[in-house]
Protein backbone atom coordinates (compact mmCIF):
# COMPACT_ATOMS: atom_id res chain seq x y z
CA MET A 1 -9.09 0.16 -16.24
CA ALA A 2 -7.17 2.10 -13.62
CA LEU A 3 -4.10 2.35 -11.45
CA PHE A 4 -4.90 2.48 -7.74
CA VAL A 5 -2.05 3.49 -5.44
CA VAL A 6 -3.07 2.55 -1.92
CA VAL A 7 -1.23 4.55 0.73
CA GLY A 8 -1.37 4.68 4.51
CA PRO A 9 0.44 3.72 7.67
CA PRO A 10 1.32 0.15 8.62
CA CYS A 11 -1.82 -1.55 9.94
CA GLY A 12 -3.90 1.11 8.24
CA GLY A 13 -6.09 -1.24 6.21
CA LYS A 14 -4.33 -1.06 2.82
CA SER A 15 -4.25 -4.81 2.17
CA THR A 16 -7.82 -5.12 3.41
CA TRP A 17 -8.98 -2.38 1.04
CA VAL A 18 -7.31 -4.08 -1.91
CA ARG A 19 -8.64 -7.52 -0.95
CA GLU A 20 -12.18 -6.10 -0.75
CA HIS A 21 -12.02 -3.99 -3.93
CA ALA A 22 -9.73 -5.73 -6.41
CA GLU A 23 -11.72 -7.52 -9.06
CA ARG A 24 -10.90 -10.75 -10.85
CA GLY A 25 -8.15 -10.12 -13.38
CA GLY A 26 -6.73 -7.18 -11.44
CA ILE A 27 -3.01 -7.01 -10.77
CA VAL A 28 -2.14 -6.63 -7.08
CA ILE A 29 1.33 -5.59 -5.95
CA ASP A 30 1.84 -5.94 -2.22
CA TYR A 31 5.37 -6.09 -0.76
CA ASP A 32 4.29 -8.34 2.11
CA ARG A 33 2.66 -10.88 -0.22
CA ILE A 34 5.70 -10.85 -2.51
CA ALA A 35 8.11 -11.31 0.41
CA ASN A 36 6.06 -14.18 1.81
CA ALA A 37 5.97 -15.85 -1.61
CA LEU A 38 9.78 -15.68 -1.77
CA ALA A 39 10.33 -17.16 1.70
CA ALA A 40 11.57 -20.76 1.62
CA GLU A 41 10.12 -21.60 5.02
CA GLY A 42 6.70 -20.10 4.42
CA PRO A 43 5.10 -16.87 5.54
CA PHE A 44 7.05 -14.55 7.80
CA GLU A 45 5.33 -12.85 10.66
CA TRP A 46 6.79 -9.38 9.87
CA GLY A 47 10.11 -7.59 9.75
CA PHE A 48 12.05 -8.95 6.80
CA ARG A 49 15.84 -8.68 7.12
CA LYS A 50 18.59 -7.98 4.57
CA PRO A 51 19.38 -9.40 2.05
CA PHE A 52 15.92 -10.99 1.95
CA ALA A 53 14.19 -7.62 2.21
CA ARG A 54 16.26 -6.28 -0.69
CA VAL A 55 15.35 -9.23 -2.93
CA ALA A 56 11.66 -8.75 -2.11
CA TYR A 57 11.92 -4.99 -2.74
CA GLU A 58 13.55 -5.52 -6.15
CA ALA A 59 10.92 -8.11 -7.10
CA ARG A 60 8.21 -5.65 -6.11
CA GLN A 61 9.78 -2.87 -8.15
CA ALA A 62 10.05 -5.13 -11.20
CA ALA A 63 6.38 -6.07 -10.77
CA ILE A 64 5.37 -2.40 -10.54
CA ASN A 65 7.36 -1.51 -13.66
CA GLU A 66 5.73 -4.29 -15.66
CA ALA A 67 2.23 -3.69 -14.28
CA LEU A 68 2.34 -0.02 -15.28
CA ARG A 69 2.56 -1.20 -18.89
CA HIS A 70 -0.87 -2.80 -18.50
CA VAL A 71 -2.98 -0.10 -16.80
CA LYS A 72 -4.97 0.46 -19.99
CA THR A 73 -6.15 -3.15 -20.05
CA HIS A 74 -6.18 -4.18 -16.37
CA ASP A 75 -6.85 -2.64 -13.01
CA VAL A 76 -3.56 -2.37 -11.13
CA TYR A 77 -3.44 -2.04 -7.34
CA VAL A 78 -0.12 -0.95 -5.84
CA ILE A 79 0.17 -0.91 -2.08
CA HIS A 80 2.83 1.70 -1.38
CA SER A 81 2.71 2.98 2.17
CA VAL A 82 4.78 6.15 1.80
CA PRO A 83 5.82 6.82 -1.81
CA ARG A 84 8.33 9.61 -2.30
CA PRO A 85 7.10 12.65 -4.27
CA ALA A 86 9.02 11.58 -7.41
CA VAL A 87 7.47 8.12 -7.25
CA MET A 88 4.01 9.60 -6.76
CA ALA A 89 4.59 11.88 -9.76
CA HIS A 90 5.54 8.79 -11.79
CA TYR A 91 2.33 7.03 -10.73
CA ARG A 92 0.30 10.11 -11.66
CA LYS A 93 1.69 9.93 -15.22
CA TYR A 94 -0.29 6.69 -15.45
CA GLY A 95 -3.45 8.32 -14.12
CA ALA A 96 -3.12 6.97 -10.59
CA GLU A 97 -6.07 7.22 -8.28
CA VAL A 98 -4.73 7.50 -4.75
CA VAL A 99 -6.63 5.60 -2.09
CA THR A 100 -5.75 6.66 1.44
CA CYS A 101 -6.34 4.14 4.22
CA ASP A 102 -5.78 5.96 7.47
CA PRO A 103 -7.53 4.83 10.66
CA GLY A 104 -5.81 7.57 12.65
CA ARG A 105 -2.49 7.48 14.44
CA GLU A 106 -3.79 6.01 17.71
CA VAL A 107 -5.49 3.11 15.94
CA ALA A 108 -2.50 2.43 13.66
CA GLU A 109 -0.13 2.44 16.64
CA ALA A 110 -2.40 0.14 18.66
CA ARG A 111 -2.68 -2.31 15.76
CA CYS A 112 1.10 -2.24 15.25
CA ARG A 113 1.73 -2.95 18.93
CA ALA A 114 -0.71 -5.88 18.80
CA GLU A 115 0.17 -7.34 15.39
CA ARG A 116 3.66 -6.32 14.29
CA PRO A 117 7.25 -6.07 15.52
CA GLU A 118 8.36 -2.86 17.21
CA SER A 119 10.14 -1.71 14.02
CA SER A 120 6.73 -1.25 12.34
CA MET A 121 6.19 1.80 14.51
CA ASP A 122 8.89 3.54 12.41
CA GLY A 123 6.59 3.16 9.41
CA VAL A 124 3.72 4.73 11.34
CA LYS A 125 5.93 7.71 12.23
CA ARG A 126 7.09 8.01 8.60
CA TRP A 127 3.50 7.98 7.34
CA TYR A 128 2.29 10.75 9.64
CA ALA A 129 5.38 12.87 8.86
CA SER A 130 5.06 12.34 5.09
CA GLY A 131 2.36 14.87 4.25
CA LEU A 132 0.43 12.21 2.29
CA ARG A 133 -2.42 12.25 4.78
CA PRO A 134 -5.41 14.00 3.19
CA ARG A 135 -6.59 17.30 4.59
CA PRO A 136 -9.74 17.14 6.75
CA GLU A 137 -12.02 18.32 3.92
CA LYS A 138 -11.29 15.13 1.98
CA SER A 139 -13.12 11.92 2.69
CA PRO A 140 -11.41 9.85 5.38
CA GLU A 141 -12.42 6.78 3.40
CA SER A 142 -10.56 7.44 0.17
CA THR A 143 -9.15 10.07 -2.12
CA ALA A 144 -9.93 7.91 -5.16
CA SER A 145 -12.31 9.38 -7.70
CA SER A 146 -13.41 6.01 -9.07
CA GLY A 147 -16.46 5.78 -6.86
CA ARG A 148 -14.88 2.97 -4.88
CA SER A 149 -14.39 3.72 -1.21
CA ALA A 150 -12.09 2.39 1.46
CA SER A 151 -13.03 -0.80 3.25
CA ARG A 152 -13.40 0.76 6.65
CA LYS A 153 -14.91 3.96 7.93
CA TRP A 154 -12.46 5.65 10.22
């Protein structure tokens, strides 16, 4: 059993990677799925507003905290676009395998323009400024050592 922390820019393929790799019985924590589950009127397109976004964030954090207690018995998949260094260090205490889904800035920006509100572009900028992007010598598919690879070849 393992903890997979899936990082990357908005529209980078994180949810797709998890959908294609998570096995039955795995625990999946995805802010967008949580927020949509909490919405009274059904799925949002994108761009959750306060206080709704805060409620969804807190629910996600509670789910992460509980899921980390089960990494020895279940695969846990946490989609976390740009975790801060302290959060990443916390994940690593649980043996996190980091999966990087990064189609490249031009592709991420094009997908955001086509599929998301303008505010999503801030997330793209944050991702590319974060330093989480693997160096060129690493596989563009994934930095995970589990033998599983990303869902797309960039």
